[in-house]
PDB file of N, CA and C in Angstrom:
ATOM      1  N   MET A   1     -24.037 -96.192-147.182  1.00  0.00           N
ATOM      2  CA  MET A   1     -23.313 -94.978-146.722  1.00  0.00           C
ATOM      3  C   MET A   1     -22.628 -95.386-145.331  1.00  0.00           C
ATOM      4  N   LYS A   2     -21.367 -95.100-145.025  1.00  0.00           N
ATOM      5  CA  LYS A   2     -20.879 -95.233-143.525  1.00  0.00           C
ATOM      6  C   LYS A   2     -21.072 -94.279-142.573  1.00  0.00           C
ATOM      7  N   VAL A   3     -21.364 -94.679-141.276  1.00  0.00           N
ATOM      8  CA  VAL A   3     -21.371 -93.650-140.531  1.00  0.00           C
ATOM      9  C   VAL A   3     -20.161 -93.144-140.137  1.00  0.00           C
ATOM     10  N   LEU A   4     -20.000 -91.821-139.951  1.00  0.00           N
ATOM     11  CA  LEU A   4     -18.919 -91.124-139.513  1.00  0.00           C
ATOM     12  C   LEU A   4     -18.805 -91.028-137.871  1.00  0.00           C
ATOM     13  N   SER A   5     -17.539 -92.109-137.453  1.00  0.00           N
ATOM     14  CA  SER A   5     -17.555 -92.357-136.381  1.00  0.00           C
ATOM     15  C   SER A   5     -16.534 -91.462-135.726  1.00  0.00           C
ATOM     16  N   LYS A   6     -16.217 -91.349-134.528  1.00  0.00           N
ATOM     17  CA  LYS A   6     -15.019 -90.677-134.120  1.00  0.00           C
ATOM     18  C   LYS A   6     -13.695 -91.043-134.686  1.00  0.00           C
ATOM     19  N   SER A   7     -13.616 -92.130-134.790  1.00  0.00           N
ATOM     20  CA  SER A   7     -12.185 -92.427-135.663  1.00  0.00           C
ATOM     21  C   SER A   7     -12.213 -91.908-136.842  1.00  0.00           C
ATOM     22  N   ARG A   8     -13.370 -92.193-137.734  1.00  0.00           N
ATOM     23  CA  ARG A   8     -13.319 -91.510-138.945  1.00  0.00           C
ATOM     24  C   ARG A   8     -13.114 -89.947-139.110  1.00  0.00           C
ATOM     25  N   PHE A   9     -13.924 -89.211-138.183  1.00  0.00           N
ATOM     26  CA  PHE A   9     -13.830 -88.052-138.021  1.00  0.00           C
ATOM     27  C   PHE A   9     -12.847 -87.457-137.654  1.00  0.00           C
ATOM     28  N   LYS A  10     -11.887 -88.005-136.987  1.00  0.00           N
ATOM     29  CA  LYS A  10     -10.335 -87.698-136.728  1.00  0.00           C
ATOM     30  C   LYS A  10      -9.717 -87.905-137.625  1.00  0.00           C
ATOM     31  N   ILE A  11      -9.612 -89.014-138.726  1.00  0.00           N
ATOM     32  CA  ILE A  11      -9.057 -89.198-139.879  1.00  0.00           C
ATOM     33  C   ILE A  11      -9.452 -88.081-140.998  1.00  0.00           C
ATOM     34  N   GLY A  12     -10.589 -87.838-141.060  1.00  0.00           N
ATOM     35  CA  GLY A  12     -11.079 -86.699-142.024  1.00  0.00           C
ATOM     36  C   GLY A  12     -10.561 -85.358-141.731  1.00  0.00           C
ATOM     37  N   ALA A  13     -10.424 -84.963-140.464  1.00  0.00           N
ATOM     38  CA  ALA A  13      -9.923 -83.867-139.986  1.00  0.00           C
ATOM     39  C   ALA A  13      -8.382 -83.536-140.205  1.00  0.00           C
ATOM     40  N   GLU A  14      -7.902 -84.736-139.888  1.00  0.00           N
ATOM     41  CA  GLU A  14      -6.328 -84.876-140.340  1.00  0.00           C
ATOM     42  C   GLU A  14      -6.055 -84.802-141.804  1.00  0.00           C
ATOM     43  N   CYS A  15      -6.816 -85.530-142.747  1.00  0.00           N
ATOM     44  CA  CYS A  15      -6.759 -85.692-144.091  1.00  0.00           C
ATOM     45  C   CYS A  15      -7.981 -86.094-144.672  1.00  0.00           C
ATOM     46  N   PRO A  16      -8.480 -84.963-145.467  1.00  0.00           N
ATOM     47  CA  PRO A  16      -9.712 -85.383-146.240  1.00  0.00           C
ATOM     48  C   PRO A  16      -9.533 -86.667-147.287  1.00  0.00           C
ATOM     49  N   ASN A  17      -8.521 -86.913-147.703  1.00  0.00           N
ATOM     50  CA  ASN A  17      -8.107 -87.888-148.761  1.00  0.00           C
ATOM     51  C   ASN A  17      -8.184 -89.226-148.188  1.00  0.00           C
ATOM     52  N   LYS A  18      -7.488 -89.349-146.703  1.00  0.00           N
ATOM     53  CA  LYS A  18      -7.733 -90.496-145.912  1.00  0.00           C
ATOM     54  C   LYS A  18      -9.173 -90.848-145.570  1.00  0.00           C
ATOM     55  N   LEU A  19     -10.250 -89.829-145.407  1.00  0.00           N
ATOM     56  CA  LEU A  19     -11.377 -90.445-145.125  1.00  0.00           C
ATOM     57  C   LEU A  19     -12.114 -90.775-146.535  1.00  0.00           C
ATOM     58  N   HIS A  20     -11.730 -90.467-147.591  1.00  0.00           N
ATOM     59  CA  HIS A  20     -12.356 -90.790-148.666  1.00  0.00           C
ATOM     60  C   HIS A  20     -11.731 -92.242-148.917  1.00  0.00           C
ATOM     61  N   ILE A  21     -10.714 -92.554-148.695  1.00  0.00           N
ATOM     62  CA  ILE A  21      -9.985 -93.836-149.008  1.00  0.00           C
ATOM     63  C   ILE A  21     -10.477 -94.827-147.936  1.00  0.00           C
ATOM     64  N   THR A  22     -10.712 -94.760-146.724  1.00  0.00           N
ATOM     65  CA  THR A  22     -11.518 -95.520-145.708  1.00  0.00           C
ATOM     66  C   THR A  22     -12.884 -95.525-146.065  1.00  0.00           C
ATOM     67  N   HIS A  23     -13.554 -94.874-146.950  1.00  0.00           N
ATOM     68  CA  HIS A  23     -14.883 -94.979-147.253  1.00  0.00           C
ATOM     69  C   HIS A  23     -14.934 -95.763-148.428  1.00  0.00           C
ATOM     70  N   HIS A  24     -14.079 -95.859-149.275  1.00  0.00           N
ATOM     71  CA  HIS A  24     -13.913 -96.812-150.238  1.00  0.00           C
ATOM     72  C   HIS A  24     -12.878 -97.967-150.179  1.00  0.00           C
ATOM     73  N   SER A  25     -12.992 -98.682-148.983  1.00  0.00           N
ATOM     74  CA  SER A  25     -11.856 -99.380-148.770  1.00  0.00           C
ATOM     75  C   SER A  25     -11.935-100.637-149.737  1.00  0.00           C
ATOM     76  N   ASN A  26     -13.031-100.870-150.494  1.00  0.00           N
ATOM     77  CA  ASN A  26     -12.923-102.242-151.596  1.00  0.00           C
ATOM     78  C   ASN A  26     -11.965-101.317-152.878  1.00  0.00           C
ATOM     79  N   LEU A  27     -11.929-100.332-152.731  1.00  0.00           N
ATOM     80  CA  LEU A  27     -10.997 -99.830-153.960  1.00  0.00           C
ATOM     81  C   LEU A  27      -9.483 -99.712-153.523  1.00  0.00           C
ATOM     82  N   TYR A  28      -9.251 -99.440-152.081  1.00  0.00           N
ATOM     83  CA  TYR A  28      -8.105 -99.076-151.856  1.00  0.00           C
ATOM     84  C   TYR A  28      -7.799-100.067-150.665  1.00  0.00           C
ATOM     85  N   PRO A  29      -7.351-101.366-150.854  1.00  0.00           N
ATOM     86  CA  PRO A  29      -6.990-102.402-149.960  1.00  0.00           C
ATOM     87  C   PRO A  29      -6.136-102.142-148.968  1.00  0.00           C
ATOM     88  N   SER A  30      -6.336-102.441-147.586  1.00  0.00           N
ATOM     89  CA  SER A  30      -5.503-102.174-146.573  1.00  0.00           C
ATOM     90  C   SER A  30      -4.403-103.207-146.462  1.00  0.00           C
ATOM     91  N   THR A  31      -2.938-102.798-146.141  1.00  0.00           N
ATOM     92  CA  THR A  31      -2.049-103.995-145.449  1.00  0.00           C
ATOM     93  C   THR A  31      -1.974-104.078-144.111  1.00  0.00           C
ATOM     94  N   LYS A  32      -3.041-103.556-143.426  1.00  0.00           N
ATOM     95  CA  LYS A  32      -2.972-103.310-141.892  1.00  0.00           C
ATOM     96  C   LYS A  32      -3.329-104.877-141.530  1.00  0.00           C
ATOM     97  N   GLU A  33      -4.186-105.495-142.040  1.00  0.00           N
ATOM     98  CA  GLU A  33      -4.596-106.762-141.664  1.00  0.00           C
ATOM     99  C   GLU A  33      -3.622-107.894-141.789  1.00  0.00           C
ATOM    100  N   ASP A  34      -2.504-107.710-142.622  1.00  0.00           N
ATOM    101  CA  ASP A  34      -1.309-108.213-142.406  1.00  0.00           C
ATOM    102  C   ASP A  34      -0.168-108.236-141.389  1.00  0.00           C
ATOM    103  N   ASP A  35      -0.178-107.111-140.732  1.00  0.00           N
ATOM    104  CA  ASP A  35       0.750-106.596-139.641  1.00  0.00           C
ATOM    105  C   ASP A  35       0.473-107.098-138.307  1.00  0.00           C
ATOM    106  N   THR A  36       1.170-108.023-137.948  1.00  0.00           N
ATOM    107  CA  THR A  36       1.385-108.761-136.823  1.00  0.00           C
ATOM    108  C   THR A  36       1.326-107.710-135.408  1.00  0.00           C
ATOM    109  N   PHE A  37       2.290-106.602-135.632  1.00  0.00           N
ATOM    110  CA  PHE A  37       2.010-105.443-134.530  1.00  0.00           C
ATOM    111  C   PHE A  37       0.945-105.171-134.064  1.00  0.00           C
ATOM    112  N   LEU A  38      -0.017-104.625-135.096  1.00  0.00           N
ATOM    113  CA  LEU A  38      -1.175-103.869-135.197  1.00  0.00           C
ATOM    114  C   LEU A  38      -2.412-105.183-134.648  1.00  0.00           C
ATOM    115  N   GLN A  39      -2.151-106.253-135.110  1.00  0.00           N
ATOM    116  CA  GLN A  39      -3.115-107.506-134.383  1.00  0.00           C
ATOM    117  C   GLN A  39      -2.468-107.414-133.026  1.00  0.00           C
ATOM    118  N   ALA A  40      -1.471-107.623-132.515  1.00  0.00           N
ATOM    119  CA  ALA A  40      -1.067-107.675-130.890  1.00  0.00           C
ATOM    120  C   ALA A  40      -1.544-106.640-130.216  1.00  0.00           C
ATOM    121  N   LEU A  41      -1.703-105.503-130.788  1.00  0.00           N
ATOM    122  CA  LEU A  41      -2.274-103.907-130.241  1.00  0.00           C
ATOM    123  C   LEU A  41      -3.582-104.338-129.975  1.00  0.00           C
ATOM    124  N   ALA A  42      -4.389-104.957-130.979  1.00  0.00           N
ATOM    125  CA  ALA A  42      -5.713-104.965-130.864  1.00  0.00           C
ATOM    126  C   ALA A  42      -5.971-106.247-129.958  1.00  0.00           C
ATOM    127  N   GLN A  43      -5.196-107.090-129.939  1.00  0.00           N
ATOM    128  CA  GLN A  43      -5.648-108.232-128.740  1.00  0.00           C
ATOM    129  C   GLN A  43      -5.349-107.672-127.315  1.00  0.00           C
ATOM    130  N   GLY A  44      -4.037-106.457-127.190  1.00  0.00           N
ATOM    131  CA  GLY A  44      -4.136-106.158-125.793  1.00  0.00           C
ATOM    132  C   GLY A  44      -5.380-105.021-125.497  1.00  0.00           C
ATOM    133  N   GLY A  45      -5.909-104.596-126.644  1.00  0.00           N
ATOM    134  CA  GLY A  45      -7.341-103.851-126.196  1.00  0.00           C
ATOM    135  C   GLY A  45      -8.197-104.737-125.536  1.00  0.00           C
ATOM    136  N   PHE A  46      -8.602-105.937-126.044  1.00  0.00           N
ATOM    137  CA  PHE A  46      -9.302-106.921-125.537  1.00  0.00           C
ATOM    138  C   PHE A  46      -9.034-107.662-124.072  1.00  0.00           C
ATOM    139  N   GLN A  47      -7.912-107.518-123.929  1.00  0.00           N
ATOM    140  CA  GLN A  47      -7.189-108.169-122.450  1.00  0.00           C
ATOM    141  C   GLN A  47      -7.391-107.125-121.537  1.00  0.00           C
ATOM    142  N   VAL A  48      -7.228-105.719-121.961  1.00  0.00           N
ATOM    143  CA  VAL A  48      -7.928-104.494-121.014  1.00  0.00           C
ATOM    144  C   VAL A  48      -9.144-104.734-120.759  1.00  0.00           C
ATOM    145  N   GLU A  49      -9.964-104.664-121.763  1.00  0.00           N
ATOM    146  CA  GLU A  49     -11.395-104.975-121.748  1.00  0.00           C
ATOM    147  C   GLU A  49     -11.882-105.828-120.770  1.00  0.00           C
ATOM    148  N   GLU A  50     -11.103-107.385-120.699  1.00  0.00           N
ATOM    149  CA  GLU A  50     -11.678-108.278-119.504  1.00  0.00           C
ATOM    150  C   GLU A  50     -11.057-108.028-118.554  1.00  0.00           C
ATOM    151  N   LEU A  51      -9.795-107.417-118.325  1.00  0.00           N
ATOM    152  CA  LEU A  51      -9.359-106.963-117.180  1.00  0.00           C
ATOM    153  C   LEU A  51     -10.426-105.920-116.161  1.00  0.00           C
ATOM    154  N   ALA A  52     -10.930-105.157-117.060  1.00  0.00           N
ATOM    155  CA  ALA A  52     -11.682-104.046-116.593  1.00  0.00           C
ATOM    156  C   ALA A  52     -12.922-104.622-115.939  1.00  0.00           C
ATOM    157  N   ARG A  53     -13.451-105.486-116.918  1.00  0.00           N
ATOM    158  CA  ARG A  53     -14.749-106.594-116.407  1.00  0.00           C
ATOM    159  C   ARG A  53     -14.752-107.178-115.156  1.00  0.00           C
ATOM    160  N   MET A  54     -13.338-107.904-115.057  1.00  0.00           N
ATOM    161  CA  MET A  54     -12.992-108.499-113.840  1.00  0.00           C
ATOM    162  C   MET A  54     -12.983-107.657-112.662  1.00  0.00           C
ATOM    163  N   ASN A  55     -12.662-106.686-112.821  1.00  0.00           N
ATOM    164  CA  ASN A  55     -12.267-105.745-111.639  1.00  0.00           C
ATOM    165  C   ASN A  55     -13.652-105.025-111.136  1.00  0.00           C
ATOM    166  N   TYR A  56     -14.356-104.924-112.069  1.00  0.00           N
ATOM    167  CA  TYR A  56     -15.729-104.030-111.955  1.00  0.00           C
ATOM    168  C   TYR A  56     -16.851-105.048-112.476  1.00  0.00           C
ATOM    169  N   PRO A  57     -17.016-105.923-111.606  1.00  0.00           N
ATOM    170  CA  PRO A  57     -18.229-106.958-112.137  1.00  0.00           C
ATOM    171  C   PRO A  57     -19.729-106.427-112.521  1.00  0.00           C
ATOM    172  N   GLY A  58     -20.001-105.460-111.701  1.00  0.00           N
ATOM    173  CA  GLY A  58     -21.499-104.936-111.804  1.00  0.00           C
ATOM    174  C   GLY A  58     -21.602-104.031-112.603  1.00  0.00           C
ATOM    175  N   VAL A  59     -20.774-103.419-113.407  1.00  0.00           N
ATOM    176  CA  VAL A  59     -20.951-102.305-114.245  1.00  0.00           C
ATOM    177  C   VAL A  59     -21.462-102.537-115.752  1.00  0.00           C
ATOM    178  N   HIS A  60     -22.354-101.821-116.197  1.00  0.00           N
ATOM    179  CA  HIS A  60     -23.059-102.152-117.503  1.00  0.00           C
ATOM    180  C   HIS A  60     -22.075-101.727-118.485  1.00  0.00           C
ATOM    181  N   LEU A  61     -22.028-102.635-119.662  1.00  0.00           N
ATOM    182  CA  LEU A  61     -21.075-102.288-120.949  1.00  0.00           C
ATOM    183  C   LEU A  61     -21.945-101.613-121.567  1.00  0.00           C
ATOM    184  N   VAL A  62     -21.246-100.642-122.342  1.00  0.00           N
ATOM    185  CA  VAL A  62     -21.979-100.170-123.486  1.00  0.00           C
ATOM    186  C   VAL A  62     -21.348-100.369-124.844  1.00  0.00           C
ATOM    187  N   ASP A  63     -22.029-101.250-125.282  1.00  0.00           N
ATOM    188  CA  ASP A  63     -21.395-101.833-126.902  1.00  0.00           C
ATOM    189  C   ASP A  63     -21.661-100.665-127.828  1.00  0.00           C
ATOM    190  N   ASN A  64     -22.587 -99.924-127.995  1.00  0.00           N
ATOM    191  CA  ASN A  64     -22.703 -99.326-129.127  1.00  0.00           C
ATOM    192  C   ASN A  64     -23.641 -97.889-128.569  1.00  0.00           C
ATOM    193  N   PRO A  65     -22.815 -96.741-128.344  1.00  0.00           N
ATOM    194  CA  PRO A  65     -23.480 -95.684-127.908  1.00  0.00           C
ATOM    195  C   PRO A  65     -24.597 -94.931-128.952  1.00  0.00           C
ATOM    196  N   PHE A  66     -24.321 -95.339-129.979  1.00  0.00           N
ATOM    197  CA  PHE A  66     -24.847 -94.609-131.177  1.00  0.00           C
ATOM    198  C   PHE A  66     -25.623 -95.587-132.175  1.00  0.00           C
ATOM    199  N   PRO A  67     -26.735 -96.101-131.740  1.00  0.00           N
ATOM    200  CA  PRO A  67     -27.560 -96.962-132.869  1.00  0.00           C
ATOM    201  C   PRO A  67     -27.865 -96.359-134.110  1.00  0.00           C
TER     202      PRO A  67
END
């Protein structure tokens, strides 16, 4: 059973069918992995994280607030 994350909650609030599809990703393959634009956006997120770490070196990183 998948955890209901904030992202998945937002998807389910928008459309319950989308939530079902994300839960059964093996039955409904995504084409997002092949999208270079989405990969660039993800890389940009990692760059923002590294920039924040450089500007605030003593701050504690919260990896998973919901264990």
